[in-house]
Amino acid sequence: IASMVFSCINDADIDVRRSLYEHVVVSGGSTMYPGLTTRLEKELRQLYLTHVLKGDMGGIRRLRLNVKDDPNRKHTVFKGAAILGEIMAGQPDFWVSRADWAEDPHRALARMGAALV
């Protein structure tokens, strides 16, 4: 997980990387494992030290890494999807009907502008 987060942050524009390191948020039921956020923070610091600072311990103090884990994060993903669904309820172009999907899923996604990989 840490390597994926690190890679995503470093693939972002250099101007926003600092903010991304300061606002890492974990959510979903799988993040409820004890010690996950502590381990993620520790591994991100190590990756930053190794790949960005090239072992220079002096620069690690300037890294403001913050991994946030809301106590109610188990249901955060569902709540976000529910809010999005409610907001987009009146937007017919946002949805794919079961009939359209059954007929041709590729065309249904293409109609929405999504690329099928």
PDB file of N, CA and C in Angstrom:
ATOM      1  N   ILE A   1       0.831  -1.191   0.000  1.00  0.00           N
ATOM      2  CA  ILE A   1       0.000   0.000   0.000  1.00  0.00           C
ATOM      3  C   ILE A   1       0.871   1.249   0.000  1.00  0.00           C
ATOM      4  N   ALA A   2       1.908   1.230   0.841  1.00  0.00           N
ATOM      5  CA  ALA A   2       2.777   2.407   0.953  1.00  0.00           C
ATOM      6  C   ALA A   2       3.445   2.734  -0.374  1.00  0.00           C
ATOM      7  N   SER A   3       3.895   1.736  -1.088  1.00  0.00           N
ATOM      8  CA  SER A   3       4.565   2.010  -2.363  1.00  0.00           C
ATOM      9  C   SER A   3       3.582   2.575  -3.391  1.00  0.00           C
ATOM     10  N   MET A   4       2.335   2.119  -3.359  1.00  0.00           N
ATOM     11  CA  MET A   4       1.336   2.661  -4.282  1.00  0.00           C
ATOM     12  C   MET A   4       1.015   4.118  -3.938  1.00  0.00           C
ATOM     13  N   VAL A   5       0.866   4.413  -2.651  1.00  0.00           N
ATOM     14  CA  VAL A   5       0.585   5.791  -2.232  1.00  0.00           C
ATOM     15  C   VAL A   5       1.758   6.688  -2.604  1.00  0.00           C
ATOM     16  N   PHE A   6       2.971   6.222  -2.318  1.00  0.00           N
ATOM     17  CA  PHE A   6       4.179   6.979  -2.628  1.00  0.00           C
ATOM     18  C   PHE A   6       4.279   7.251  -4.131  1.00  0.00           C
ATOM     19  N   SER A   7       4.015   6.238  -4.924  1.00  0.00           N
ATOM     20  CA  SER A   7       4.081   6.371  -6.374  1.00  0.00           C
ATOM     21  C   SER A   7       3.032   7.366  -6.878  1.00  0.00           C
ATOM     22  N   CYS A   8       1.821   7.273  -6.361  1.00  0.00           N
ATOM     23  CA  CYS A   8       0.754   8.205  -6.772  1.00  0.00           C
ATOM     24  C   CYS A   8       1.113   9.642  -6.434  1.00  0.00           C
ATOM     25  N   ILE A   9       1.634   9.861  -5.239  1.00  0.00           N
ATOM     26  CA  ILE A   9       1.999  11.216  -4.828  1.00  0.00           C
ATOM     27  C   ILE A   9       3.107  11.753  -5.724  1.00  0.00           C
ATOM     28  N   ASN A  10       4.107  10.934  -6.005  1.00  0.00           N
ATOM     29  CA  ASN A  10       5.231  11.404  -6.796  1.00  0.00           C
ATOM     30  C   ASN A  10       4.926  11.499  -8.284  1.00  0.00           C
ATOM     31  N   ASP A  11       3.842  10.887  -8.727  1.00  0.00           N
ATOM     32  CA  ASP A  11       3.400  11.054 -10.113  1.00  0.00           C
ATOM     33  C   ASP A  11       2.620  12.351 -10.296  1.00  0.00           C
ATOM     34  N   ALA A  12       2.196  12.938  -9.176  1.00  0.00           N
ATOM     35  CA  ALA A  12       1.428  14.184  -9.228  1.00  0.00           C
ATOM     36  C   ALA A  12       2.360  15.357  -9.524  1.00  0.00           C
ATOM     37  N   ASP A  13       1.767  16.475  -9.893  1.00  0.00           N
ATOM     38  CA  ASP A  13       2.524  17.695 -10.147  1.00  0.00           C
ATOM     39  C   ASP A  13       3.325  18.070  -8.906  1.00  0.00           C
ATOM     40  N   ILE A  14       4.529  18.529  -9.108  1.00  0.00           N
ATOM     41  CA  ILE A  14       5.423  18.825  -7.982  1.00  0.00           C
ATOM     42  C   ILE A  14       4.842  19.876  -7.036  1.00  0.00           C
ATOM     43  N   ASP A  15       3.992  20.758  -7.572  1.00  0.00           N
ATOM     44  CA  ASP A  15       3.411  21.816  -6.745  1.00  0.00           C
ATOM     45  C   ASP A  15       2.410  21.311  -5.714  1.00  0.00           C
ATOM     46  N   VAL A  16       1.835  20.135  -5.915  1.00  0.00           N
ATOM     47  CA  VAL A  16       0.822  19.626  -4.984  1.00  0.00           C
ATOM     48  C   VAL A  16       1.326  18.476  -4.114  1.00  0.00           C
ATOM     49  N   ARG A  17       2.522  18.017  -4.348  1.00  0.00           N
ATOM     50  CA  ARG A  17       3.038  16.867  -3.590  1.00  0.00           C
ATOM     51  C   ARG A  17       3.081  17.117  -2.088  1.00  0.00           C
ATOM     52  N   ARG A  18       3.538  18.283  -1.693  1.00  0.00           N
ATOM     53  CA  ARG A  18       3.626  18.590  -0.260  1.00  0.00           C
ATOM     54  C   ARG A  18       2.258  18.453   0.396  1.00  0.00           C
ATOM     55  N   SER A  19       1.247  19.001  -0.248  1.00  0.00           N
ATOM     56  CA  SER A  19      -0.112  18.925   0.286  1.00  0.00           C
ATOM     57  C   SER A  19      -0.606  17.486   0.336  1.00  0.00           C
ATOM     58  N   LEU A  20      -0.267  16.700  -0.662  1.00  0.00           N
ATOM     59  CA  LEU A  20      -0.688  15.291  -0.669  1.00  0.00           C
ATOM     60  C   LEU A  20      -0.034  14.515   0.473  1.00  0.00           C
ATOM     61  N   TYR A  21       1.243  14.769   0.736  1.00  0.00           N
ATOM     62  CA  TYR A  21       1.911  14.108   1.860  1.00  0.00           C
ATOM     63  C   TYR A  21       1.282  14.508   3.194  1.00  0.00           C
ATOM     64  N   GLU A  22       0.783  15.734   3.268  1.00  0.00           N
ATOM     65  CA  GLU A  22       0.186  16.219   4.513  1.00  0.00           C
ATOM     66  C   GLU A  22      -1.243  15.721   4.716  1.00  0.00           C
ATOM     67  N   HIS A  23      -1.865  15.168   3.671  1.00  0.00           N
ATOM     68  CA  HIS A  23      -3.274  14.792   3.761  1.00  0.00           C
ATOM     69  C   HIS A  23      -3.551  13.406   3.192  1.00  0.00           C
ATOM     70  N   VAL A  24      -2.846  12.406   3.654  1.00  0.00           N
ATOM     71  CA  VAL A  24      -3.129  11.032   3.253  1.00  0.00           C
ATOM     72  C   VAL A  24      -4.295  10.543   4.115  1.00  0.00           C
ATOM     73  N   VAL A  25      -5.355  10.082   3.469  1.00  0.00           N
ATOM     74  CA  VAL A  25      -6.549   9.641   4.187  1.00  0.00           C
ATOM     75  C   VAL A  25      -6.824   8.186   3.825  1.00  0.00           C
ATOM     76  N   VAL A  26      -7.004   7.354   4.839  1.00  0.00           N
ATOM     77  CA  VAL A  26      -7.373   5.962   4.600  1.00  0.00           C
ATOM     78  C   VAL A  26      -8.849   5.792   4.943  1.00  0.00           C
ATOM     79  N   SER A  27      -9.536   4.974   4.135  1.00  0.00           N
ATOM     80  CA  SER A  27     -10.949   4.745   4.394  1.00  0.00           C
ATOM     81  C   SER A  27     -11.331   3.358   3.910  1.00  0.00           C
ATOM     82  N   GLY A  28     -12.443   2.872   4.414  1.00  0.00           N
ATOM     83  CA  GLY A  28     -12.925   1.548   4.046  1.00  0.00           C
ATOM     84  C   GLY A  28     -12.631   0.527   5.129  1.00  0.00           C
ATOM     85  N   GLY A  29     -13.356  -0.555   5.087  1.00  0.00           N
ATOM     86  CA  GLY A  29     -13.248  -1.585   6.113  1.00  0.00           C
ATOM     87  C   GLY A  29     -11.877  -2.232   6.221  1.00  0.00           C
ATOM     88  N   SER A  30     -11.169  -2.362   5.111  1.00  0.00           N
ATOM     89  CA  SER A  30      -9.850  -3.005   5.141  1.00  0.00           C
ATOM     90  C   SER A  30      -8.810  -2.179   5.887  1.00  0.00           C
ATOM     91  N   THR A  31      -9.088  -0.894   6.092  1.00  0.00           N
ATOM     92  CA  THR A  31      -8.132  -0.052   6.813  1.00  0.00           C
ATOM     93  C   THR A  31      -8.300  -0.159   8.319  1.00  0.00           C
ATOM     94  N   MET A  32      -9.226  -0.990   8.771  1.00  0.00           N
ATOM     95  CA  MET A  32      -9.495  -1.133  10.202  1.00  0.00           C
ATOM     96  C   MET A  32      -8.499  -2.054  10.903  1.00  0.00           C
ATOM     97  N   TYR A  33      -7.609  -2.692  10.156  1.00  0.00           N
ATOM     98  CA  TYR A  33      -6.620  -3.571  10.795  1.00  0.00           C
ATOM     99  C   TYR A  33      -5.773  -2.771  11.767  1.00  0.00           C
ATOM    100  N   PRO A  34      -5.536  -3.310  12.961  1.00  0.00           N
ATOM    101  CA  PRO A  34      -4.746  -2.587  13.955  1.00  0.00           C
ATOM    102  C   PRO A  34      -3.338  -2.298  13.434  1.00  0.00           C
ATOM    103  N   GLY A  35      -2.904  -1.062  13.607  1.00  0.00           N
ATOM    104  CA  GLY A  35      -1.548  -0.679  13.237  1.00  0.00           C
ATOM    105  C   GLY A  35      -1.343  -0.338  11.772  1.00  0.00           C
ATOM    106  N   LEU A  36      -2.389  -0.432  10.950  1.00  0.00           N
ATOM    107  CA  LEU A  36      -2.226  -0.177   9.522  1.00  0.00           C
ATOM    108  C   LEU A  36      -1.768   1.255   9.245  1.00  0.00           C
ATOM    109  N   THR A  37      -2.388   2.238   9.866  1.00  0.00           N
ATOM    110  CA  THR A  37      -2.022   3.626   9.578  1.00  0.00           C
ATOM    111  C   THR A  37      -0.626   3.954  10.094  1.00  0.00           C
ATOM    112  N   THR A  38      -0.259   3.411  11.237  1.00  0.00           N
ATOM    113  CA  THR A  38       1.083   3.630  11.779  1.00  0.00           C
ATOM    114  C   THR A  38       2.131   3.029  10.853  1.00  0.00           C
ATOM    115  N   ARG A  39       1.867   1.826  10.394  1.00  0.00           N
ATOM    116  CA  ARG A  39       2.801   1.167   9.478  1.00  0.00           C
ATOM    117  C   ARG A  39       2.892   1.912   8.150  1.00  0.00           C
ATOM    118  N   LEU A  40       1.749   2.365   7.636  1.00  0.00           N
ATOM    119  CA  LEU A  40       1.733   3.112   6.386  1.00  0.00           C
ATOM    120  C   LEU A  40       2.571   4.380   6.513  1.00  0.00           C
ATOM    121  N   GLU A  41       2.397   5.094   7.602  1.00  0.00           N
ATOM    122  CA  GLU A  41       3.169   6.323   7.816  1.00  0.00           C
ATOM    123  C   GLU A  41       4.665   6.022   7.907  1.00  0.00           C
ATOM    124  N   LYS A  42       5.022   4.974   8.639  1.00  0.00           N
ATOM    125  CA  LYS A  42       6.426   4.590   8.786  1.00  0.00           C
ATOM    126  C   LYS A  42       7.039   4.216   7.432  1.00  0.00           C
ATOM    127  N   GLU A  43       6.313   3.430   6.643  1.00  0.00           N
ATOM    128  CA  GLU A  43       6.830   3.000   5.347  1.00  0.00           C
ATOM    129  C   GLU A  43       6.911   4.162   4.359  1.00  0.00           C
ATOM    130  N   LEU A  44       5.958   5.096   4.421  1.00  0.00           N
ATOM    131  CA  LEU A  44       6.027   6.266   3.550  1.00  0.00           C
ATOM    132  C   LEU A  44       7.238   7.135   3.884  1.00  0.00           C
ATOM    133  N   ARG A  45       7.513   7.293   5.176  1.00  0.00           N
ATOM    134  CA  ARG A  45       8.705   8.045   5.589  1.00  0.00           C
ATOM    135  C   ARG A  45       9.976   7.383   5.049  1.00  0.00           C
ATOM    136  N   GLN A  46      10.036   6.067   5.144  1.00  0.00           N
ATOM    137  CA  GLN A  46      11.213   5.353   4.669  1.00  0.00           C
ATOM    138  C   GLN A  46      11.368   5.482   3.149  1.00  0.00           C
ATOM    139  N   LEU A  47      10.274   5.365   2.420  1.00  0.00           N
ATOM    140  CA  LEU A  47      10.324   5.527   0.968  1.00  0.00           C
ATOM    141  C   LEU A  47      10.761   6.946   0.594  1.00  0.00           C
ATOM    142  N   TYR A  48      10.261   7.935   1.310  1.00  0.00           N
ATOM    143  CA  TYR A  48      10.636   9.325   1.055  1.00  0.00           C
ATOM    144  C   TYR A  48      12.126   9.525   1.318  1.00  0.00           C
ATOM    145  N   LEU A  49      12.598   8.983   2.421  1.00  0.00           N
ATOM    146  CA  LEU A  49      14.013   9.094   2.766  1.00  0.00           C
ATOM    147  C   LEU A  49      14.889   8.424   1.710  1.00  0.00           C
ATOM    148  N   THR A  50      14.501   7.260   1.263  1.00  0.00           N
ATOM    149  CA  THR A  50      15.304   6.493   0.315  1.00  0.00           C
ATOM    150  C   THR A  50      15.284   7.092  -1.091  1.00  0.00           C
ATOM    151  N   HIS A  51      14.092   7.430  -1.589  1.00  0.00           N
ATOM    152  CA  HIS A  51      13.964   7.807  -2.988  1.00  0.00           C
ATOM    153  C   HIS A  51      14.008   9.310  -3.257  1.00  0.00           C
ATOM    154  N   VAL A  52      13.520  10.103  -2.337  1.00  0.00           N
ATOM    155  CA  VAL A  52      13.490  11.551  -2.552  1.00  0.00           C
ATOM    156  C   VAL A  52      14.727  12.208  -1.949  1.00  0.00           C
ATOM    157  N   LEU A  53      15.012  11.871  -0.702  1.00  0.00           N
ATOM    158  CA  LEU A  53      16.144  12.494  -0.012  1.00  0.00           C
ATOM    159  C   LEU A  53      17.465  11.767  -0.247  1.00  0.00           C
ATOM    160  N   LYS A  54      17.403  10.616  -0.855  1.00  0.00           N
ATOM    161  CA  LYS A  54      18.601   9.806  -1.143  1.00  0.00           C
ATOM    162  C   LYS A  54      19.435   9.546   0.109  1.00  0.00           C
ATOM    163  N   GLY A  55      18.716   9.283   1.227  1.00  0.00           N
ATOM    164  CA  GLY A  55      19.378   8.921   2.474  1.00  0.00           C
ATOM    165  C   GLY A  55      19.780  10.089   3.349  1.00  0.00           C
ATOM    166  N   ASP A  56      19.523  11.319   2.954  1.00  0.00           N
ATOM    167  CA  ASP A  56      19.879  12.501   3.741  1.00  0.00           C
ATOM    168  C   ASP A  56      18.907  12.651   4.904  1.00  0.00           C
ATOM    169  N   MET A  57      19.321  12.261   6.096  1.00  0.00           N
ATOM    170  CA  MET A  57      18.457  12.289   7.277  1.00  0.00           C
ATOM    171  C   MET A  57      18.050  13.710   7.676  1.00  0.00           C
ATOM    172  N   GLY A  58      18.828  14.704   7.278  1.00  0.00           N
ATOM    173  CA  GLY A  58      18.511  16.080   7.638  1.00  0.00           C
ATOM    174  C   GLY A  58      17.208  16.566   7.042  1.00  0.00           C
ATOM    175  N   GLY A  59      16.842  16.081   5.890  1.00  0.00           N
ATOM    176  CA  GLY A  59      15.641  16.538   5.214  1.00  0.00           C
ATOM    177  C   GLY A  59      14.357  15.907   5.711  1.00  0.00           C
ATOM    178  N   ILE A  60      14.473  14.811   6.454  1.00  0.00           N
ATOM    179  CA  ILE A  60      13.275  14.099   6.910  1.00  0.00           C
ATOM    180  C   ILE A  60      12.464  14.942   7.896  1.00  0.00           C
ATOM    181  N   ARG A  61      13.119  15.865   8.592  1.00  0.00           N
ATOM    182  CA  ARG A  61      12.410  16.725   9.547  1.00  0.00           C
ATOM    183  C   ARG A  61      11.446  17.682   8.844  1.00  0.00           C
ATOM    184  N   ARG A  62      11.745  18.030   7.587  1.00  0.00           N
ATOM    185  CA  ARG A  62      10.879  18.959   6.842  1.00  0.00           C
ATOM    186  C   ARG A  62       9.654  18.273   6.252  1.00  0.00           C
ATOM    187  N   LEU A  63       9.658  16.949   6.238  1.00  0.00           N
ATOM    188  CA  LEU A  63       8.508  16.215   5.702  1.00  0.00           C
ATOM    189  C   LEU A  63       7.367  16.252   6.711  1.00  0.00           C
ATOM    190  N   ARG A  64       6.252  16.829   6.299  1.00  0.00           N
ATOM    191  CA  ARG A  64       5.063  16.855   7.156  1.00  0.00           C
ATOM    192  C   ARG A  64       4.096  15.801   6.649  1.00  0.00           C
ATOM    193  N   LEU A  65       4.325  14.587   7.084  1.00  0.00           N
ATOM    194  CA  LEU A  65       3.491  13.461   6.666  1.00  0.00           C
ATOM    195  C   LEU A  65       2.385  13.264   7.684  1.00  0.00           C
ATOM    196  N   ASN A  66       1.169  13.175   7.195  1.00  0.00           N
ATOM    197  CA  ASN A  66       0.030  12.991   8.084  1.00  0.00           C
ATOM    198  C   ASN A  66      -0.922  11.978   7.453  1.00  0.00           C
ATOM    199  N   VAL A  67      -1.025  10.817   8.087  1.00  0.00           N
ATOM    200  CA  VAL A  67      -1.955   9.785   7.632  1.00  0.00           C
ATOM    201  C   VAL A  67      -3.165   9.834   8.555  1.00  0.00           C
ATOM    202  N   LYS A  68      -4.314  10.177   7.991  1.00  0.00           N
ATOM    203  CA  LYS A  68      -5.526  10.352   8.786  1.00  0.00           C
ATOM    204  C   LYS A  68      -6.383   9.096   8.708  1.00  0.00           C
ATOM    205  N   ASP A  69      -6.887   8.699   9.859  1.00  0.00           N
ATOM    206  CA  ASP A  69      -7.757   7.523   9.930  1.00  0.00           C
ATOM    207  C   ASP A  69      -8.950   7.833  10.831  1.00  0.00           C
ATOM    208  N   ASP A  70     -10.011   8.266  10.202  1.00  0.00           N
ATOM    209  CA  ASP A  70     -11.234   8.594  10.921  1.00  0.00           C
ATOM    210  C   ASP A  70     -11.780   7.339  11.594  1.00  0.00           C
ATOM    211  N   PRO A  71     -12.208   7.429  12.851  1.00  0.00           N
ATOM    212  CA  PRO A  71     -12.732   6.247  13.538  1.00  0.00           C
ATOM    213  C   PRO A  71     -13.941   5.622  12.825  1.00  0.00           C
ATOM    214  N   ASN A  72     -14.685   6.403  12.078  1.00  0.00           N
ATOM    215  CA  ASN A  72     -15.862   5.898  11.362  1.00  0.00           C
ATOM    216  C   ASN A  72     -15.547   5.545   9.911  1.00  0.00           C
ATOM    217  N   ARG A  73     -14.280   5.303   9.602  1.00  0.00           N
ATOM    218  CA  ARG A  73     -13.865   5.088   8.215  1.00  0.00           C
ATOM    219  C   ARG A  73     -14.374   3.789   7.610  1.00  0.00           C
ATOM    220  N   LYS A  74     -14.856   2.894   8.432  1.00  0.00           N
ATOM    221  CA  LYS A  74     -15.346   1.612   7.923  1.00  0.00           C
ATOM    222  C   LYS A  74     -16.460   1.810   6.902  1.00  0.00           C
ATOM    223  N   HIS A  75     -17.291   2.818   7.106  1.00  0.00           N
ATOM    224  CA  HIS A  75     -18.437   3.044   6.231  1.00  0.00           C
ATOM    225  C   HIS A  75     -18.284   4.297   5.369  1.00  0.00           C
ATOM    226  N   THR A  76     -17.112   4.922   5.385  1.00  0.00           N
ATOM    227  CA  THR A  76     -16.907   6.171   4.654  1.00  0.00           C
ATOM    228  C   THR A  76     -17.095   5.999   3.154  1.00  0.00           C
ATOM    229  N   VAL A  77     -16.587   4.925   2.599  1.00  0.00           N
ATOM    230  CA  VAL A  77     -16.708   4.698   1.153  1.00  0.00           C
ATOM    231  C   VAL A  77     -18.175   4.564   0.763  1.00  0.00           C
ATOM    232  N   PHE A  78     -18.943   3.808   1.547  1.00  0.00           N
ATOM    233  CA  PHE A  78     -20.370   3.659   1.260  1.00  0.00           C
ATOM    234  C   PHE A  78     -21.093   4.997   1.360  1.00  0.00           C
ATOM    235  N   LYS A  79     -20.779   5.776   2.397  1.00  0.00           N
ATOM    236  CA  LYS A  79     -21.443   7.074   2.575  1.00  0.00           C
ATOM    237  C   LYS A  79     -21.137   8.004   1.406  1.00  0.00           C
ATOM    238  N   GLY A  80     -19.896   8.007   0.956  1.00  0.00           N
ATOM    239  CA  GLY A  80     -19.529   8.841  -0.187  1.00  0.00           C
ATOM    240  C   GLY A  80     -20.279   8.437  -1.437  1.00  0.00           C
ATOM    241  N   ALA A  81     -20.388   7.136  -1.685  1.00  0.00           N
ATOM    242  CA  ALA A  81     -21.122   6.652  -2.854  1.00  0.00           C
ATOM    243  C   ALA A  81     -22.608   6.979  -2.732  1.00  0.00           C
ATOM    244  N   ALA A  82     -23.152   6.889  -1.525  1.00  0.00           N
ATOM    245  CA  ALA A  82     -24.565   7.202  -1.323  1.00  0.00           C
ATOM    246  C   ALA A  82     -24.836   8.683  -1.586  1.00  0.00           C
ATOM    247  N   ILE A  83     -23.940   9.540  -1.139  1.00  0.00           N
ATOM    248  CA  ILE A  83     -24.103  10.980  -1.370  1.00  0.00           C
ATOM    249  C   ILE A  83     -24.002  11.275  -2.866  1.00  0.00           C
ATOM    250  N   LEU A  84     -23.017  10.680  -3.537  1.00  0.00           N
ATOM    251  CA  LEU A  84     -22.871  10.884  -4.982  1.00  0.00           C
ATOM    252  C   LEU A  84     -24.110  10.393  -5.724  1.00  0.00           C
ATOM    253  N   GLY A  85     -24.616   9.237  -5.332  1.00  0.00           N
ATOM    254  CA  GLY A  85     -25.823   8.705  -5.960  1.00  0.00           C
ATOM    255  C   GLY A  85     -27.015   9.615  -5.783  1.00  0.00           C
ATOM    256  N   GLU A  86     -27.138  10.197  -4.596  1.00  0.00           N
ATOM    257  CA  GLU A  86     -28.246  11.113  -4.333  1.00  0.00           C
ATOM    258  C   GLU A  86     -28.117  12.390  -5.153  1.00  0.00           C
ATOM    259  N   ILE A  87     -26.908  12.911  -5.252  1.00  0.00           N
ATOM    260  CA  ILE A  87     -26.681  14.137  -6.021  1.00  0.00           C
ATOM    261  C   ILE A  87     -26.972  13.906  -7.506  1.00  0.00           C
ATOM    262  N   MET A  88     -26.581  12.742  -8.017  1.00  0.00           N
ATOM    263  CA  MET A  88     -26.692  12.467  -9.446  1.00  0.00           C
ATOM    264  C   MET A  88     -28.009  11.772  -9.817  1.00  0.00           C
ATOM    265  N   ALA A  89     -28.928  11.639  -8.887  1.00  0.00           N
ATOM    266  CA  ALA A  89     -30.181  10.919  -9.146  1.00  0.00           C
ATOM    267  C   ALA A  89     -30.960  11.503 -10.319  1.00  0.00           C
ATOM    268  N   GLY A  90     -30.936  12.794 -10.492  1.00  0.00           N
ATOM    269  CA  GLY A  90     -31.689  13.426 -11.565  1.00  0.00           C
ATOM    270  C   GLY A  90     -30.916  13.574 -12.865  1.00  0.00           C
ATOM    271  N   GLN A  91     -29.760  12.950 -12.965  1.00  0.00           N
ATOM    272  CA  GLN A  91     -28.917  13.060 -14.157  1.00  0.00           C
ATOM    273  C   GLN A  91     -28.937  11.745 -14.928  1.00  0.00           C
ATOM    274  N   PRO A  92     -29.799  11.578 -15.919  1.00  0.00           N
ATOM    275  CA  PRO A  92     -29.911  10.300 -16.624  1.00  0.00           C
ATOM    276  C   PRO A  92     -28.640   9.900 -17.381  1.00  0.00           C
ATOM    277  N   ASP A  93     -27.828  10.877 -17.786  1.00  0.00           N
ATOM    278  CA  ASP A  93     -26.593  10.548 -18.506  1.00  0.00           C
ATOM    279  C   ASP A  93     -25.531   9.942 -17.594  1.00  0.00           C
ATOM    280  N   PHE A  94     -25.728  10.030 -16.301  1.00  0.00           N
ATOM    281  CA  PHE A  94     -24.758   9.507 -15.337  1.00  0.00           C
ATOM    282  C   PHE A  94     -24.927   8.003 -15.112  1.00  0.00           C
ATOM    283  N   TRP A  95     -26.069   7.471 -15.427  1.00  0.00           N
ATOM    284  CA  TRP A  95     -26.411   6.097 -15.096  1.00  0.00           C
ATOM    285  C   TRP A  95     -26.443   5.195 -16.330  1.00  0.00           C
ATOM    286  N   VAL A  96     -26.164   3.926 -16.112  1.00  0.00           N
ATOM    287  CA  VAL A  96     -26.315   2.903 -17.139  1.00  0.00           C
ATOM    288  C   VAL A  96     -27.442   1.988 -16.677  1.00  0.00           C
ATOM    289  N   SER A  97     -28.434   1.812 -17.520  1.00  0.00           N
ATOM    290  CA  SER A  97     -29.555   0.955 -17.134  1.00  0.00           C
ATOM    291  C   SER A  97     -29.146  -0.514 -17.249  1.00  0.00           C
ATOM    292  N   ARG A  98     -29.841  -1.347 -16.521  1.00  0.00           N
ATOM    293  CA  ARG A  98     -29.579  -2.779 -16.564  1.00  0.00           C
ATOM    294  C   ARG A  98     -29.795  -3.322 -17.985  1.00  0.00           C
ATOM    295  N   ALA A  99     -30.816  -2.816 -18.662  1.00  0.00           N
ATOM    296  CA  ALA A  99     -31.113  -3.264 -20.026  1.00  0.00           C
ATOM    297  C   ALA A  99     -29.989  -2.877 -20.990  1.00  0.00           C
ATOM    298  N   ASP A 100     -29.485  -1.631 -20.878  1.00  0.00           N
ATOM    299  CA  ASP A 100     -28.372  -1.200 -21.737  1.00  0.00           C
ATOM    300  C   ASP A 100     -27.132  -2.044 -21.479  1.00  0.00           C
ATOM    301  N   TRP A 101     -26.879  -2.328 -20.214  1.00  0.00           N
ATOM    302  CA  TRP A 101     -25.703  -3.132 -19.860  1.00  0.00           C
ATOM    303  C   TRP A 101     -25.846  -4.554 -20.396  1.00  0.00           C
ATOM    304  N   ALA A 102     -27.017  -5.130 -20.251  1.00  0.00           N
ATOM    305  CA  ALA A 102     -27.243  -6.502 -20.726  1.00  0.00           C
ATOM    306  C   ALA A 102     -27.133  -6.582 -22.249  1.00  0.00           C
ATOM    307  N   GLU A 103     -27.578  -5.539 -22.926  1.00  0.00           N
ATOM    308  CA  GLU A 103     -27.531  -5.530 -24.385  1.00  0.00           C
ATOM    309  C   GLU A 103     -26.093  -5.442 -24.897  1.00  0.00           C
ATOM    310  N   ASP A 104     -25.323  -4.468 -24.404  1.00  0.00           N
ATOM    311  CA  ASP A 104     -23.934  -4.297 -24.850  1.00  0.00           C
ATOM    312  C   ASP A 104     -23.177  -3.427 -23.848  1.00  0.00           C
ATOM    313  N   PRO A 105     -22.425  -4.038 -22.937  1.00  0.00           N
ATOM    314  CA  PRO A 105     -21.711  -3.263 -21.910  1.00  0.00           C
ATOM    315  C   PRO A 105     -20.685  -2.293 -22.499  1.00  0.00           C
ATOM    316  N   HIS A 106     -20.045  -2.677 -23.596  1.00  0.00           N
ATOM    317  CA  HIS A 106     -19.046  -1.797 -24.217  1.00  0.00           C
ATOM    318  C   HIS A 106     -19.702  -0.508 -24.730  1.00  0.00           C
ATOM    319  N   ARG A 107     -20.832  -0.654 -25.380  1.00  0.00           N
ATOM    320  CA  ARG A 107     -21.530   0.512 -25.896  1.00  0.00           C
ATOM    321  C   ARG A 107     -22.091   1.362 -24.752  1.00  0.00           C
ATOM    322  N   ALA A 108     -22.560   0.713 -23.694  1.00  0.00           N
ATOM    323  CA  ALA A 108     -23.099   1.453 -22.553  1.00  0.00           C
ATOM    324  C   ALA A 108     -22.011   2.321 -21.920  1.00  0.00           C
ATOM    325  N   LEU A 109     -20.816   1.787 -21.767  1.00  0.00           N
ATOM    326  CA  LEU A 109     -19.708   2.566 -21.196  1.00  0.00           C
ATOM    327  C   LEU A 109     -19.233   3.632 -22.165  1.00  0.00           C
ATOM    328  N   ALA A 110     -19.171   3.301 -23.457  1.00  0.00           N
ATOM    329  CA  ALA A 110     -18.742   4.273 -24.455  1.00  0.00           C
ATOM    330  C   ALA A 110     -19.704   5.458 -24.507  1.00  0.00           C
ATOM    331  N   ARG A 111     -20.978   5.177 -24.316  1.00  0.00           N
ATOM    332  CA  ARG A 111     -21.969   6.249 -24.302  1.00  0.00           C
ATOM    333  C   ARG A 111     -21.707   7.241 -23.174  1.00  0.00           C
ATOM    334  N   MET A 112     -21.163   6.735 -22.090  1.00  0.00           N
ATOM    335  CA  MET A 112     -20.850   7.592 -20.961  1.00  0.00           C
ATOM    336  C   MET A 112     -19.496   8.266 -21.102  1.00  0.00           C
ATOM    337  N   GLY A 113     -18.725   7.867 -22.111  1.00  0.00           N
ATOM    338  CA  GLY A 113     -17.413   8.452 -22.310  1.00  0.00           C
ATOM    339  C   GLY A 113     -16.311   7.726 -21.575  1.00  0.00           C
ATOM    340  N   ALA A 114     -16.611   6.585 -21.000  1.00  0.00           N
ATOM    341  CA  ALA A 114     -15.605   5.819 -20.272  1.00  0.00           C
ATOM    342  C   ALA A 114     -14.862   4.911 -21.236  1.00  0.00           C
ATOM    343  N   ALA A 115     -13.584   4.766 -21.043  1.00  0.00           N
ATOM    344  CA  ALA A 115     -12.772   3.870 -21.872  1.00  0.00           C
ATOM    345  C   ALA A 115     -12.744   2.494 -21.210  1.00  0.00           C
ATOM    346  N   LEU A 116     -13.007   1.499 -22.003  1.00  0.00           N
ATOM    347  CA  LEU A 116     -12.961   0.137 -21.507  1.00  0.00           C
ATOM    348  C   LEU A 116     -11.554  -0.412 -21.715  1.00  0.00           C
ATOM    349  N   VAL A 117     -10.916  -0.746 -20.639  1.00  0.00           N
ATOM    350  CA  VAL A 117      -9.533  -1.223 -20.720  1.00  0.00           C
ATOM    351  C   VAL A 117      -9.481  -2.713 -20.914  1.00  0.00           C
TER     352      VAL A 117
END
